[in-house]
Amino acid sequence: MSEPHRPLRIGTRGSILALTQAGTVRDALIAAGHPAELVVVRTAGDASAEPVEKIGVGVFTAAVRDALAADEVDVAVHSYKDLPTAADPRFVIAAVPPREDPRDALVSRDNLVLGELPPGSRIGTSAPRRASQLRALGLGLEIVPLRGNIDTRIGRVTSGELDAVVLARAGIARVDRLGEVSESLDPVQMLPAPAQGALAVECRSSDTDIIAAVAGQDDADSRATVAAERALLAELEAGCTAPVGALAVIAESLDDDGNTHLELFLRACVVALDGSEVIRSSRTGALHKAAETGQELARELLDLGARDLMPATREADPDPPGQ
C-alpha cells in the first residue's frame, strides 16, 4: 500500500490517448477522495515502428506492468485489448470502467462512407483483424500498413497519402475528435477486437487497500462483456493481433413464462488474412457465465475450422524479461 497521504501513482504510456484514458481513472479516484497522479512509463511499443504482430503481443503493457511489479507505480491503466489473455498472479484487474463504444470507425477523404470508396482506394490499418475483414467485404480496396498515434494516422488522410483509415472509435471519442469520423462501422461489416473500447485498471494482488479504492470504478456490464470476448480469444489460443473479431452485448430476453431477464449475446468471427474465408457464429448465455459463453463459442469456431485461418501468434510471457 502507498505511504500515508501520498497520491496513488497511476502508471500509463505517454501517448495522448493513454494519458487521456489514465486521466479519467485519476479524476474518478480524486473525486472519490483518493489523491492520485499520473506516472508515464515508456514501453517497447513506443520505441518501435515495427508492426505490432512482429514485435509481439503485450508490447504496450509489459513495461507498465514491470513498473507496477517493482512498486514504481500503484495502479496501471491499460487498453484492455492490449493485455495478454494469460492470467498473471502478481496482478488483479480491480476495475473495468464503463466501456466506450467498441466499434471501429472510418475516417476518409471527403467524408465518404466505406461503401462509397471506389475500388483501388488506399485504406490504412494497423490490425490484421481489420485488414482481413476489409478484404472479405470484396470492395477492391488496397490495404496499407499503418502505425502511429491518432494524429499521425488521421494526418495521412488529410495529407492525401491515404483515402481512409480505420481506427477504434473509442480512442477517437476519448481525444474528442468524433467530428472527423466519416462512419462508425456496423459490426455486421466489421467485428471489433475483443475488449476494444474497454480499460483495465490493474493493481498488485497483495494491495488490498488500493484494490478497494479502485473497485468503485468497476462497471459490471462492461466486465461481463469483456470477460466473454477475452475468454473466447484465450480459448482460441489467439493473440491480440490475430484476425479474430468479437462483440458481446447485454440485452433483455423473454423466458418461457414471458418474464424478461438480461442475457449476454456474443458473436465472433475468424477471418483468413487474405479475406478469402470467414467463419462466424454466435451464442447467448447468462451474465454470470460470461467467460463460459466465450469458451463455448470459441470451441464451436474451432470445430468449424477456425484454427486453419489463424497464423501462429505469440502470447506474452506473464513475466517477460525485457519485453
C-alpha atoms as a PDB file:
ATOM      1  CA  MET A   1       0.000   0.000   0.000  1.00  0.00           C
ATOM      2  CA  SER A   2       1.157   3.557  -0.618  1.00  0.00           C
ATOM      3  CA  GLU A   3       2.639   5.678   2.136  1.00  0.00           C
ATOM      4  CA  PRO A   4       0.130   7.747   4.172  1.00  0.00           C
ATOM      5  CA  HIS A   5      -1.117  10.818   2.278  1.00  0.00           C
ATOM      6  CA  ARG A   6       0.971  10.019  -0.797  1.00  0.00           C
ATOM      7  CA  PRO A   7      -1.054  10.222  -4.014  1.00  0.00           C
ATOM      8  CA  LEU A   8      -1.715   6.927  -5.754  1.00  0.00           C
ATOM      9  CA  ARG A   9       0.741   6.635  -8.640  1.00  0.00           C
ATOM     10  CA  ILE A  10      -1.039   5.642 -11.856  1.00  0.00           C
ATOM     11  CA  GLY A  11       1.231   4.116 -14.489  1.00  0.00           C
ATOM     12  CA  THR A  12       0.460   4.792 -18.137  1.00  0.00           C
ATOM     13  CA  ARG A  13       2.028   5.078 -21.552  1.00  0.00           C
ATOM     14  CA  GLY A  14       2.818   8.609 -22.659  1.00  0.00           C
ATOM     15  CA  SER A  15       0.639   8.925 -25.768  1.00  0.00           C
ATOM     16  CA  ILE A  16      -2.161  11.476 -25.772  1.00  0.00           C
ATOM     17  CA  LEU A  17      -4.727   8.684 -25.834  1.00  0.00           C
ATOM     18  CA  ALA A  18      -3.117   6.724 -22.993  1.00  0.00           C
ATOM     19  CA  LEU A  19      -2.772   9.855 -20.873  1.00  0.00           C
ATOM     20  CA  THR A  20      -6.399  10.748 -21.527  1.00  0.00           C
ATOM     21  CA  GLN A  21      -7.559   7.259 -20.568  1.00  0.00           C
ATOM     22  CA  ALA A  22      -5.474   7.186 -17.401  1.00  0.00           C
ATOM     23  CA  GLY A  23      -6.609  10.723 -16.638  1.00  0.00           C
ATOM     24  CA  THR A  24     -10.221   9.589 -16.408  1.00  0.00           C
ATOM     25  CA  VAL A  25      -9.185   6.996 -13.818  1.00  0.00           C
ATOM     26  CA  ARG A  26      -7.159   9.588 -11.897  1.00  0.00           C
ATOM     27  CA  ASP A  27     -10.049  12.056 -11.902  1.00  0.00           C
ATOM     28  CA  ALA A  28     -12.501   9.416 -10.700  1.00  0.00           C
ATOM     29  CA  LEU A  29     -10.150   8.414  -7.871  1.00  0.00           C
ATOM     30  CA  ILE A  30      -9.706  12.040  -6.810  1.00  0.00           C
ATOM     31  CA  ALA A  31     -13.480  12.577  -6.904  1.00  0.00           C
ATOM     32  CA  ALA A  32     -13.868   9.552  -4.632  1.00  0.00           C
ATOM     33  CA  GLY A  33     -11.410  11.041  -2.128  1.00  0.00           C
ATOM     34  CA  HIS A  34      -8.231   9.244  -3.214  1.00  0.00           C
ATOM     35  CA  PRO A  35      -5.449  11.640  -4.279  1.00  0.00           C
ATOM     36  CA  ALA A  36      -3.780  10.354  -7.456  1.00  0.00           C
ATOM     37  CA  GLU A  37      -1.224  11.357 -10.073  1.00  0.00           C
ATOM     38  CA  LEU A  38      -0.027  10.023 -13.438  1.00  0.00           C
ATOM     39  CA  VAL A  39       3.388   8.437 -13.960  1.00  0.00           C
ATOM     40  CA  VAL A  40       4.490   7.978 -17.592  1.00  0.00           C
ATOM     41  CA  VAL A  41       6.198   4.687 -18.464  1.00  0.00           C
ATOM     42  CA  ARG A  42       7.932   4.302 -21.833  1.00  0.00           C
ATOM     43  CA  THR A  43       7.205   0.942 -23.496  1.00  0.00           C
ATOM     44  CA  ALA A  44       8.890  -1.104 -26.203  1.00  0.00           C
ATOM     45  CA  GLY A  45       5.914  -0.430 -28.455  1.00  0.00           C
ATOM     46  CA  ASP A  46       6.510   3.311 -28.181  1.00  0.00           C
ATOM     47  CA  ALA A  47      10.146   2.862 -29.163  1.00  0.00           C
ATOM     48  CA  SER A  48       9.479   0.734 -32.276  1.00  0.00           C
ATOM     49  CA  ALA A  49       7.914   1.476 -35.640  1.00  0.00           C
ATOM     50  CA  GLU A  50       7.558  -2.227 -36.477  1.00  0.00           C
ATOM     51  CA  PRO A  51       4.063  -3.732 -36.974  1.00  0.00           C
ATOM     52  CA  VAL A  52       2.615  -5.000 -33.689  1.00  0.00           C
ATOM     53  CA  GLU A  53       2.372  -8.566 -34.991  1.00  0.00           C
ATOM     54  CA  LYS A  54       6.171  -8.539 -35.405  1.00  0.00           C
ATOM     55  CA  ILE A  55       7.141  -7.037 -32.047  1.00  0.00           C
ATOM     56  CA  GLY A  56       4.766  -9.203 -30.041  1.00  0.00           C
ATOM     57  CA  VAL A  57       1.570  -9.261 -28.045  1.00  0.00           C
ATOM     58  CA  GLY A  58       1.783  -7.332 -24.789  1.00  0.00           C
ATOM     59  CA  VAL A  59       4.393  -4.910 -26.131  1.00  0.00           C
ATOM     60  CA  PHE A  60       2.375  -1.896 -24.955  1.00  0.00           C
ATOM     61  CA  THR A  61       1.648  -3.268 -21.497  1.00  0.00           C
ATOM     62  CA  ALA A  62       4.764  -5.149 -20.332  1.00  0.00           C
ATOM     63  CA  ALA A  63       6.774  -2.102 -19.218  1.00  0.00           C
ATOM     64  CA  VAL A  64       3.823  -0.626 -17.327  1.00  0.00           C
ATOM     65  CA  ARG A  65       3.289  -3.976 -15.608  1.00  0.00           C
ATOM     66  CA  ASP A  66       7.002  -4.158 -14.779  1.00  0.00           C
ATOM     67  CA  ALA A  67       6.723  -0.749 -13.117  1.00  0.00           C
ATOM     68  CA  LEU A  68       3.726  -1.982 -11.141  1.00  0.00           C
ATOM     69  CA  ALA A  69       5.554  -5.123 -10.034  1.00  0.00           C
ATOM     70  CA  ALA A  70       8.574  -3.031  -8.974  1.00  0.00           C
ATOM     71  CA  ASP A  71       6.392  -0.721  -6.839  1.00  0.00           C
ATOM     72  CA  GLU A  72       7.246   2.230  -9.064  1.00  0.00           C
ATOM     73  CA  VAL A  73       3.515   2.774  -9.557  1.00  0.00           C
ATOM     74  CA  ASP A  74       0.487   1.678  -7.521  1.00  0.00           C
ATOM     75  CA  VAL A  75      -2.048   1.298 -10.339  1.00  0.00           C
ATOM     76  CA  ALA A  76      -1.694   0.569 -14.059  1.00  0.00           C
ATOM     77  CA  VAL A  77      -4.200   1.624 -16.701  1.00  0.00           C
ATOM     78  CA  HIS A  78      -4.239  -0.354 -19.948  1.00  0.00           C
ATOM     79  CA  SER A  79      -6.323  -0.551 -23.076  1.00  0.00           C
ATOM     80  CA  TYR A  80      -7.820  -3.910 -22.159  1.00  0.00           C
ATOM     81  CA  LYS A  81      -7.422  -5.333 -25.657  1.00  0.00           C
ATOM     82  CA  ASP A  82      -3.624  -4.915 -25.397  1.00  0.00           C
ATOM     83  CA  LEU A  83      -3.275  -7.203 -22.363  1.00  0.00           C
ATOM     84  CA  PRO A  84      -2.157 -10.803 -22.863  1.00  0.00           C
ATOM     85  CA  THR A  85      -5.006 -13.228 -22.204  1.00  0.00           C
ATOM     86  CA  ALA A  86      -2.874 -15.362 -19.843  1.00  0.00           C
ATOM     87  CA  ALA A  87      -3.557 -14.550 -16.188  1.00  0.00           C
ATOM     88  CA  ASP A  88      -0.682 -13.125 -14.155  1.00  0.00           C
ATOM     89  CA  PRO A  89      -0.954 -13.955 -10.422  1.00  0.00           C
ATOM     90  CA  ARG A  90       1.048 -10.838  -9.497  1.00  0.00           C
ATOM     91  CA  PHE A  91      -1.828  -8.608 -10.558  1.00  0.00           C
ATOM     92  CA  VAL A  92      -5.592  -8.255 -10.351  1.00  0.00           C
ATOM     93  CA  ILE A  93      -7.854  -6.215 -12.611  1.00  0.00           C
ATOM     94  CA  ALA A  94      -9.551  -4.218  -9.891  1.00  0.00           C
ATOM     95  CA  ALA A  95     -11.863  -2.285 -12.210  1.00  0.00           C
ATOM     96  CA  VAL A  96     -13.230  -2.257 -15.728  1.00  0.00           C
ATOM     97  CA  PRO A  97     -14.724   1.254 -16.036  1.00  0.00           C
ATOM     98  CA  PRO A  98     -17.774   1.841 -18.256  1.00  0.00           C
ATOM     99  CA  ARG A  99     -16.825   0.840 -21.776  1.00  0.00           C
ATOM    100  CA  GLU A 100     -16.762   3.246 -24.695  1.00  0.00           C
ATOM    101  CA  ASP A 101     -18.498   2.334 -27.960  1.00  0.00           C
ATOM    102  CA  PRO A 102     -16.415  -0.677 -29.120  1.00  0.00           C
ATOM    103  CA  ARG A 103     -16.985  -0.269 -32.860  1.00  0.00           C
ATOM    104  CA  ASP A 104     -14.331   0.574 -35.431  1.00  0.00           C
ATOM    105  CA  ALA A 105     -14.554   3.922 -37.181  1.00  0.00           C
ATOM    106  CA  LEU A 106     -13.679   5.134 -40.675  1.00  0.00           C
ATOM    107  CA  VAL A 107     -12.009   8.483 -41.284  1.00  0.00           C
ATOM    108  CA  SER A 108     -11.971   9.183 -45.013  1.00  0.00           C
ATOM    109  CA  ARG A 109     -11.395  11.855 -47.603  1.00  0.00           C
ATOM    110  CA  ASP A 110     -14.498  13.874 -48.496  1.00  0.00           C
ATOM    111  CA  ASN A 111     -16.290  12.197 -45.568  1.00  0.00           C
ATOM    112  CA  LEU A 112     -17.128   9.139 -47.704  1.00  0.00           C
ATOM    113  CA  VAL A 113     -18.581   6.056 -46.012  1.00  0.00           C
ATOM    114  CA  LEU A 114     -16.941   2.693 -46.618  1.00  0.00           C
ATOM    115  CA  GLY A 115     -19.343   1.650 -49.379  1.00  0.00           C
ATOM    116  CA  GLU A 116     -18.679   4.887 -51.273  1.00  0.00           C
ATOM    117  CA  LEU A 117     -14.896   4.429 -51.542  1.00  0.00           C
ATOM    118  CA  PRO A 118     -14.085   3.444 -55.150  1.00  0.00           C
ATOM    119  CA  PRO A 119     -12.142   0.243 -55.894  1.00  0.00           C
ATOM    120  CA  GLY A 120      -8.413   0.794 -55.515  1.00  0.00           C
ATOM    121  CA  SER A 121      -8.799   3.275 -52.672  1.00  0.00           C
ATOM    122  CA  ARG A 122      -5.877   3.149 -50.246  1.00  0.00           C
ATOM    123  CA  ILE A 123      -7.058   2.417 -46.716  1.00  0.00           C
ATOM    124  CA  GLY A 124      -4.692   2.303 -43.759  1.00  0.00           C
ATOM    125  CA  THR A 125      -4.964  -0.013 -40.781  1.00  0.00           C
ATOM    126  CA  SER A 126      -2.564  -1.467 -38.247  1.00  0.00           C
ATOM    127  CA  ALA A 127      -4.588  -4.595 -37.446  1.00  0.00           C
ATOM    128  CA  PRO A 128      -4.654  -7.910 -39.326  1.00  0.00           C
ATOM    129  CA  ARG A 129      -8.219  -8.295 -37.989  1.00  0.00           C
ATOM    130  CA  ARG A 130      -9.333  -5.110 -39.730  1.00  0.00           C
ATOM    131  CA  ALA A 131      -7.363  -5.814 -42.900  1.00  0.00           C
ATOM    132  CA  SER A 132      -8.786  -9.315 -43.274  1.00  0.00           C
ATOM    133  CA  GLN A 133     -12.370  -8.180 -42.697  1.00  0.00           C
ATOM    134  CA  LEU A 134     -11.957  -5.329 -45.179  1.00  0.00           C
ATOM    135  CA  ARG A 135     -10.660  -7.775 -47.790  1.00  0.00           C
ATOM    136  CA  ALA A 136     -13.549 -10.144 -47.057  1.00  0.00           C
ATOM    137  CA  LEU A 137     -16.025  -7.377 -47.970  1.00  0.00           C
ATOM    138  CA  GLY A 138     -14.809  -7.603 -51.582  1.00  0.00           C
ATOM    139  CA  LEU A 139     -14.693  -3.855 -52.170  1.00  0.00           C
ATOM    140  CA  GLY A 140     -11.363  -3.930 -54.036  1.00  0.00           C
ATOM    141  CA  LEU A 141      -9.602  -1.704 -51.502  1.00  0.00           C
ATOM    142  CA  GLU A 142      -5.820  -1.531 -51.204  1.00  0.00           C
ATOM    143  CA  ILE A 143      -4.817  -2.166 -47.582  1.00  0.00           C
ATOM    144  CA  VAL A 144      -1.807  -0.130 -46.402  1.00  0.00           C
ATOM    145  CA  PRO A 145       0.026  -0.970 -43.124  1.00  0.00           C
ATOM    146  CA  LEU A 146      -0.218   1.848 -40.609  1.00  0.00           C
ATOM    147  CA  ARG A 147       1.320   2.656 -37.209  1.00  0.00           C
ATOM    148  CA  GLY A 148       1.382   5.820 -35.145  1.00  0.00           C
ATOM    149  CA  ASN A 149      -0.871   7.791 -32.848  1.00  0.00           C
ATOM    150  CA  ILE A 150      -4.301   9.101 -33.790  1.00  0.00           C
ATOM    151  CA  ASP A 151      -2.917  12.400 -35.117  1.00  0.00           C
ATOM    152  CA  THR A 152      -0.420  10.581 -37.334  1.00  0.00           C
ATOM    153  CA  ARG A 153      -2.984   8.176 -38.739  1.00  0.00           C
ATOM    154  CA  ILE A 154      -5.663  10.754 -39.470  1.00  0.00           C
ATOM    155  CA  GLY A 155      -2.953  13.065 -40.846  1.00  0.00           C
ATOM    156  CA  ARG A 156      -2.204  10.569 -43.607  1.00  0.00           C
ATOM    157  CA  VAL A 157      -5.766  11.068 -44.848  1.00  0.00           C
ATOM    158  CA  THR A 158      -5.768  14.858 -44.609  1.00  0.00           C
ATOM    159  CA  SER A 159      -2.412  14.953 -46.424  1.00  0.00           C
ATOM    160  CA  GLY A 160      -3.869  12.896 -49.287  1.00  0.00           C
ATOM    161  CA  GLU A 161      -1.455   9.996 -48.815  1.00  0.00           C
ATOM    162  CA  LEU A 162      -4.344   7.669 -47.933  1.00  0.00           C
ATOM    163  CA  ASP A 163      -8.005   7.704 -48.873  1.00  0.00           C
ATOM    164  CA  ALA A 164      -9.128   6.460 -45.473  1.00  0.00           C
ATOM    165  CA  VAL A 165      -8.011   4.900 -42.196  1.00  0.00           C
ATOM    166  CA  VAL A 166      -9.822   2.601 -39.788  1.00  0.00           C
ATOM    167  CA  LEU A 167      -9.356   3.228 -36.064  1.00  0.00           C
ATOM    168  CA  ALA A 168     -11.057   2.268 -32.831  1.00  0.00           C
ATOM    169  CA  ARG A 169     -13.957   4.655 -32.341  1.00  0.00           C
ATOM    170  CA  ALA A 170     -13.339   4.665 -28.585  1.00  0.00           C
ATOM    171  CA  GLY A 171      -9.911   6.233 -28.944  1.00  0.00           C
ATOM    172  CA  ILE A 172     -11.212   8.947 -31.253  1.00  0.00           C
ATOM    173  CA  ALA A 173     -14.013   9.681 -28.781  1.00  0.00           C
ATOM    174  CA  ARG A 174     -11.646   9.879 -25.829  1.00  0.00           C
ATOM    175  CA  VAL A 175      -9.496  12.544 -27.519  1.00  0.00           C
ATOM    176  CA  ASP A 176     -12.637  14.437 -28.601  1.00  0.00           C
ATOM    177  CA  ARG A 177     -12.268  14.042 -32.370  1.00  0.00           C
ATOM    178  CA  LEU A 178     -15.512  12.272 -33.277  1.00  0.00           C
ATOM    179  CA  GLY A 179     -16.316  15.105 -35.670  1.00  0.00           C
ATOM    180  CA  GLU A 180     -13.705  13.666 -38.051  1.00  0.00           C
ATOM    181  CA  VAL A 181     -15.343  10.226 -38.212  1.00  0.00           C
ATOM    182  CA  SER A 182     -16.985   9.507 -41.557  1.00  0.00           C
ATOM    183  CA  GLU A 183     -18.712   6.321 -40.414  1.00  0.00           C
ATOM    184  CA  SER A 184     -18.945   4.138 -37.326  1.00  0.00           C
ATOM    185  CA  LEU A 185     -18.693   0.675 -38.850  1.00  0.00           C
ATOM    186  CA  ASP A 186     -21.571  -1.693 -38.238  1.00  0.00           C
ATOM    187  CA  PRO A 187     -20.383  -4.907 -36.555  1.00  0.00           C
ATOM    188  CA  VAL A 188     -22.092  -6.767 -39.402  1.00  0.00           C
ATOM    189  CA  GLN A 189     -19.355  -5.306 -41.620  1.00  0.00           C
ATOM    190  CA  MET A 190     -16.510  -5.412 -39.119  1.00  0.00           C
ATOM    191  CA  LEU A 191     -16.484  -7.014 -35.691  1.00  0.00           C
ATOM    192  CA  PRO A 192     -14.168  -5.170 -33.282  1.00  0.00           C
ATOM    193  CA  ALA A 193     -11.225  -6.641 -31.420  1.00  0.00           C
ATOM    194  CA  PRO A 194     -12.109  -8.472 -28.201  1.00  0.00           C
ATOM    195  CA  ALA A 195     -12.273  -5.893 -25.366  1.00  0.00           C
ATOM    196  CA  GLN A 196     -11.956  -2.925 -27.743  1.00  0.00           C
ATOM    197  CA  GLY A 197     -13.137   0.272 -26.059  1.00  0.00           C
ATOM    198  CA  ALA A 198     -12.592  -1.093 -22.542  1.00  0.00           C
ATOM    199  CA  LEU A 199      -9.975  -0.130 -19.968  1.00  0.00           C
ATOM    200  CA  ALA A 200      -8.329  -2.453 -17.459  1.00  0.00           C
ATOM    201  CA  VAL A 201      -7.295  -0.889 -14.151  1.00  0.00           C
ATOM    202  CA  GLU A 202      -4.706  -3.209 -12.671  1.00  0.00           C
ATOM    203  CA  CYS A 203      -3.232  -3.417  -9.145  1.00  0.00           C
ATOM    204  CA  ARG A 204      -0.841  -5.711  -7.342  1.00  0.00           C
ATOM    205  CA  SER A 205      -2.727  -8.706  -5.950  1.00  0.00           C
ATOM    206  CA  SER A 206      -1.406  -8.028  -2.442  1.00  0.00           C
ATOM    207  CA  ASP A 207      -2.524  -4.386  -2.253  1.00  0.00           C
ATOM    208  CA  THR A 208      -6.000  -4.920  -0.822  1.00  0.00           C
ATOM    209  CA  ASP A 209      -6.486  -1.275   0.203  1.00  0.00           C
ATOM    210  CA  ILE A 210      -5.658   0.008  -3.269  1.00  0.00           C
ATOM    211  CA  ILE A 211      -7.858  -2.655  -4.865  1.00  0.00           C
ATOM    212  CA  ALA A 212     -10.730  -1.487  -2.679  1.00  0.00           C
ATOM    213  CA  ALA A 213     -10.115   2.151  -3.628  1.00  0.00           C
ATOM    214  CA  VAL A 214     -10.094   1.356  -7.353  1.00  0.00           C
ATOM    215  CA  ALA A 215     -13.021  -1.092  -7.285  1.00  0.00           C
ATOM    216  CA  GLY A 216     -15.541   1.740  -7.132  1.00  0.00           C
ATOM    217  CA  GLN A 217     -14.867   2.398 -10.825  1.00  0.00           C
ATOM    218  CA  ASP A 218     -15.880  -1.108 -11.883  1.00  0.00           C
ATOM    219  CA  ASP A 219     -18.853  -1.457 -14.225  1.00  0.00           C
ATOM    220  CA  ALA A 220     -20.439  -4.918 -14.003  1.00  0.00           C
ATOM    221  CA  ASP A 221     -21.862  -4.928 -17.539  1.00  0.00           C
ATOM    222  CA  SER A 222     -18.553  -3.855 -19.083  1.00  0.00           C
ATOM    223  CA  ARG A 223     -16.696  -6.504 -17.099  1.00  0.00           C
ATOM    224  CA  ALA A 224     -19.140  -9.209 -18.255  1.00  0.00           C
ATOM    225  CA  THR A 225     -18.935  -8.354 -21.966  1.00  0.00           C
ATOM    226  CA  VAL A 226     -15.149  -8.143 -21.861  1.00  0.00           C
ATOM    227  CA  ALA A 227     -14.926 -11.427 -19.932  1.00  0.00           C
ATOM    228  CA  ALA A 228     -16.861 -13.209 -22.676  1.00  0.00           C
ATOM    229  CA  GLU A 229     -14.780 -11.739 -25.509  1.00  0.00           C
ATOM    230  CA  ARG A 230     -11.437 -12.346 -23.781  1.00  0.00           C
ATOM    231  CA  ALA A 231     -12.367 -15.908 -22.813  1.00  0.00           C
ATOM    232  CA  LEU A 232     -13.141 -16.592 -26.473  1.00  0.00           C
ATOM    233  CA  LEU A 233      -9.750 -15.209 -27.514  1.00  0.00           C
ATOM    234  CA  ALA A 234      -7.942 -17.270 -24.884  1.00  0.00           C
ATOM    235  CA  GLU A 235      -9.757 -20.470 -25.827  1.00  0.00           C
ATOM    236  CA  LEU A 236      -8.817 -19.892 -29.456  1.00  0.00           C
ATOM    237  CA  GLU A 237      -5.195 -19.510 -28.265  1.00  0.00           C
ATOM    238  CA  ALA A 238      -5.014 -16.369 -30.371  1.00  0.00           C
ATOM    239  CA  GLY A 239      -3.107 -13.212 -29.519  1.00  0.00           C
ATOM    240  CA  CYS A 240      -4.493  -9.693 -29.802  1.00  0.00           C
ATOM    241  CA  THR A 241      -3.090  -9.361 -33.348  1.00  0.00           C
ATOM    242  CA  ALA A 242      -4.910 -12.459 -34.659  1.00  0.00           C
ATOM    243  CA  PRO A 243      -7.713 -11.952 -37.234  1.00  0.00           C
ATOM    244  CA  VAL A 244     -10.420 -12.517 -34.606  1.00  0.00           C
ATOM    245  CA  GLY A 245     -13.378 -10.204 -34.072  1.00  0.00           C
ATOM    246  CA  ALA A 246     -15.797 -10.473 -31.169  1.00  0.00           C
ATOM    247  CA  LEU A 247     -18.532  -8.405 -29.598  1.00  0.00           C
ATOM    248  CA  ALA A 248     -20.731  -9.151 -26.604  1.00  0.00           C
ATOM    249  CA  VAL A 249     -23.814  -7.114 -25.751  1.00  0.00           C
ATOM    250  CA  ILE A 250     -26.313  -7.348 -22.915  1.00  0.00           C
ATOM    251  CA  ALA A 251     -29.965  -7.335 -23.887  1.00  0.00           C
ATOM    252  CA  GLU A 252     -33.364  -8.217 -22.489  1.00  0.00           C
ATOM    253  CA  SER A 253     -34.742 -11.663 -23.263  1.00  0.00           C
ATOM    254  CA  LEU A 254     -38.044 -13.434 -22.567  1.00  0.00           C
ATOM    255  CA  ASP A 255     -38.180 -16.749 -20.753  1.00  0.00           C
ATOM    256  CA  ASP A 256     -40.792 -19.435 -21.352  1.00  0.00           C
ATOM    257  CA  ASP A 257     -43.136 -17.776 -18.850  1.00  0.00           C
ATOM    258  CA  GLY A 258     -42.961 -14.404 -20.569  1.00  0.00           C
ATOM    259  CA  ASN A 259     -40.730 -12.819 -17.948  1.00  0.00           C
ATOM    260  CA  THR A 260     -37.881 -10.568 -19.022  1.00  0.00           C
ATOM    261  CA  HIS A 261     -34.307 -11.049 -17.915  1.00  0.00           C
ATOM    262  CA  LEU A 262     -30.911  -9.850 -19.028  1.00  0.00           C
ATOM    263  CA  GLU A 263     -28.804 -12.104 -21.198  1.00  0.00           C
ATOM    264  CA  LEU A 264     -25.413 -11.867 -22.850  1.00  0.00           C
ATOM    265  CA  PHE A 265     -25.279 -12.195 -26.641  1.00  0.00           C
ATOM    266  CA  LEU A 266     -21.829 -12.899 -28.105  1.00  0.00           C
ATOM    267  CA  ARG A 267     -20.887 -13.029 -31.782  1.00  0.00           C
ATOM    268  CA  ALA A 268     -17.479 -13.655 -33.234  1.00  0.00           C
ATOM    269  CA  CYS A 269     -15.579 -14.291 -36.437  1.00  0.00           C
ATOM    270  CA  VAL A 270     -12.235 -15.649 -37.544  1.00  0.00           C
ATOM    271  CA  VAL A 271     -11.060 -14.482 -40.961  1.00  0.00           C
ATOM    272  CA  ALA A 272      -8.364 -15.663 -43.342  1.00  0.00           C
ATOM    273  CA  LEU A 273      -5.747 -12.932 -43.709  1.00  0.00           C
ATOM    274  CA  ASP A 274      -6.458 -12.629 -47.431  1.00  0.00           C
ATOM    275  CA  GLY A 275     -10.195 -12.329 -46.737  1.00  0.00           C
ATOM    276  CA  SER A 276     -10.973 -15.480 -48.726  1.00  0.00           C
ATOM    277  CA  GLU A 277     -12.820 -17.226 -45.895  1.00  0.00           C
ATOM    278  CA  VAL A 278     -14.792 -16.075 -42.867  1.00  0.00           C
ATOM    279  CA  ILE A 279     -16.086 -18.297 -40.071  1.00  0.00           C
ATOM    280  CA  ARG A 280     -18.828 -16.710 -37.970  1.00  0.00           C
ATOM    281  CA  SER A 281     -21.006 -17.858 -35.131  1.00  0.00           C
ATOM    282  CA  SER A 282     -22.857 -16.545 -32.082  1.00  0.00           C
ATOM    283  CA  ARG A 283     -24.104 -17.716 -28.719  1.00  0.00           C
ATOM    284  CA  THR A 284     -26.205 -16.452 -25.820  1.00  0.00           C
ATOM    285  CA  GLY A 285     -25.604 -17.083 -22.146  1.00  0.00           C
ATOM    286  CA  ALA A 286     -26.269 -15.927 -18.619  1.00  0.00           C
ATOM    287  CA  LEU A 287     -24.408 -12.864 -17.381  1.00  0.00           C
ATOM    288  CA  HIS A 288     -22.800 -14.783 -14.539  1.00  0.00           C
ATOM    289  CA  LYS A 289     -21.458 -17.290 -17.068  1.00  0.00           C
ATOM    290  CA  ALA A 290     -19.887 -14.765 -19.451  1.00  0.00           C
ATOM    291  CA  ALA A 291     -16.500 -16.475 -19.621  1.00  0.00           C
ATOM    292  CA  GLU A 292     -18.092 -19.889 -20.157  1.00  0.00           C
ATOM    293  CA  THR A 293     -20.130 -18.450 -23.037  1.00  0.00           C
ATOM    294  CA  GLY A 294     -16.935 -17.174 -24.664  1.00  0.00           C
ATOM    295  CA  GLN A 295     -15.206 -20.520 -24.251  1.00  0.00           C
ATOM    296  CA  GLU A 296     -18.163 -22.419 -25.710  1.00  0.00           C
ATOM    297  CA  LEU A 297     -18.340 -20.142 -28.747  1.00  0.00           C
ATOM    298  CA  ALA A 298     -14.589 -20.482 -29.302  1.00  0.00           C
ATOM    299  CA  ARG A 299     -14.862 -24.262 -29.289  1.00  0.00           C
ATOM    300  CA  GLU A 300     -17.659 -24.030 -31.841  1.00  0.00           C
ATOM    301  CA  LEU A 301     -15.495 -21.827 -34.085  1.00  0.00           C
ATOM    302  CA  LEU A 302     -12.640 -24.312 -33.769  1.00  0.00           C
ATOM    303  CA  ASP A 303     -14.977 -27.145 -34.737  1.00  0.00           C
ATOM    304  CA  LEU A 304     -15.857 -25.114 -37.842  1.00  0.00           C
ATOM    305  CA  GLY A 305     -12.178 -24.872 -38.829  1.00  0.00           C
ATOM    306  CA  ALA A 306     -11.087 -21.571 -37.279  1.00  0.00           C
ATOM    307  CA  ARG A 307      -7.618 -22.798 -36.367  1.00  0.00           C
ATOM    308  CA  ASP A 308      -6.713 -23.180 -40.039  1.00  0.00           C
ATOM    309  CA  LEU A 309      -7.396 -19.475 -40.612  1.00  0.00           C
ATOM    310  CA  MET A 310      -5.233 -18.150 -37.775  1.00  0.00           C
ATOM    311  CA  PRO A 311      -1.493 -17.623 -38.218  1.00  0.00           C
ATOM    312  CA  ALA A 312       0.739 -18.660 -35.340  1.00  0.00           C
ATOM    313  CA  THR A 313       0.721 -15.890 -32.720  1.00  0.00           C
ATOM    314  CA  ARG A 314       2.967 -15.328 -29.761  1.00  0.00           C
ATOM    315  CA  GLU A 315       1.303 -14.539 -26.446  1.00  0.00           C
ATOM    316  CA  ALA A 316       3.357 -12.552 -23.976  1.00  0.00           C
ATOM    317  CA  ASP A 317       5.028 -14.422 -21.113  1.00  0.00           C
ATOM    318  CA  PRO A 318       3.385 -13.367 -17.821  1.00  0.00           C
ATOM    319  CA  ASP A 319       6.804 -12.134 -16.646  1.00  0.00           C
ATOM    320  CA  PRO A 320       8.698 -11.364 -19.846  1.00  0.00           C
ATOM    321  CA  PRO A 321      12.342 -10.299 -19.465  1.00  0.00           C
ATOM    322  CA  GLY A 322      12.981  -7.044 -21.239  1.00  0.00           C
ATOM    323  CA  GLN A 323       9.853  -7.116 -23.408  1.00  0.00           C
END
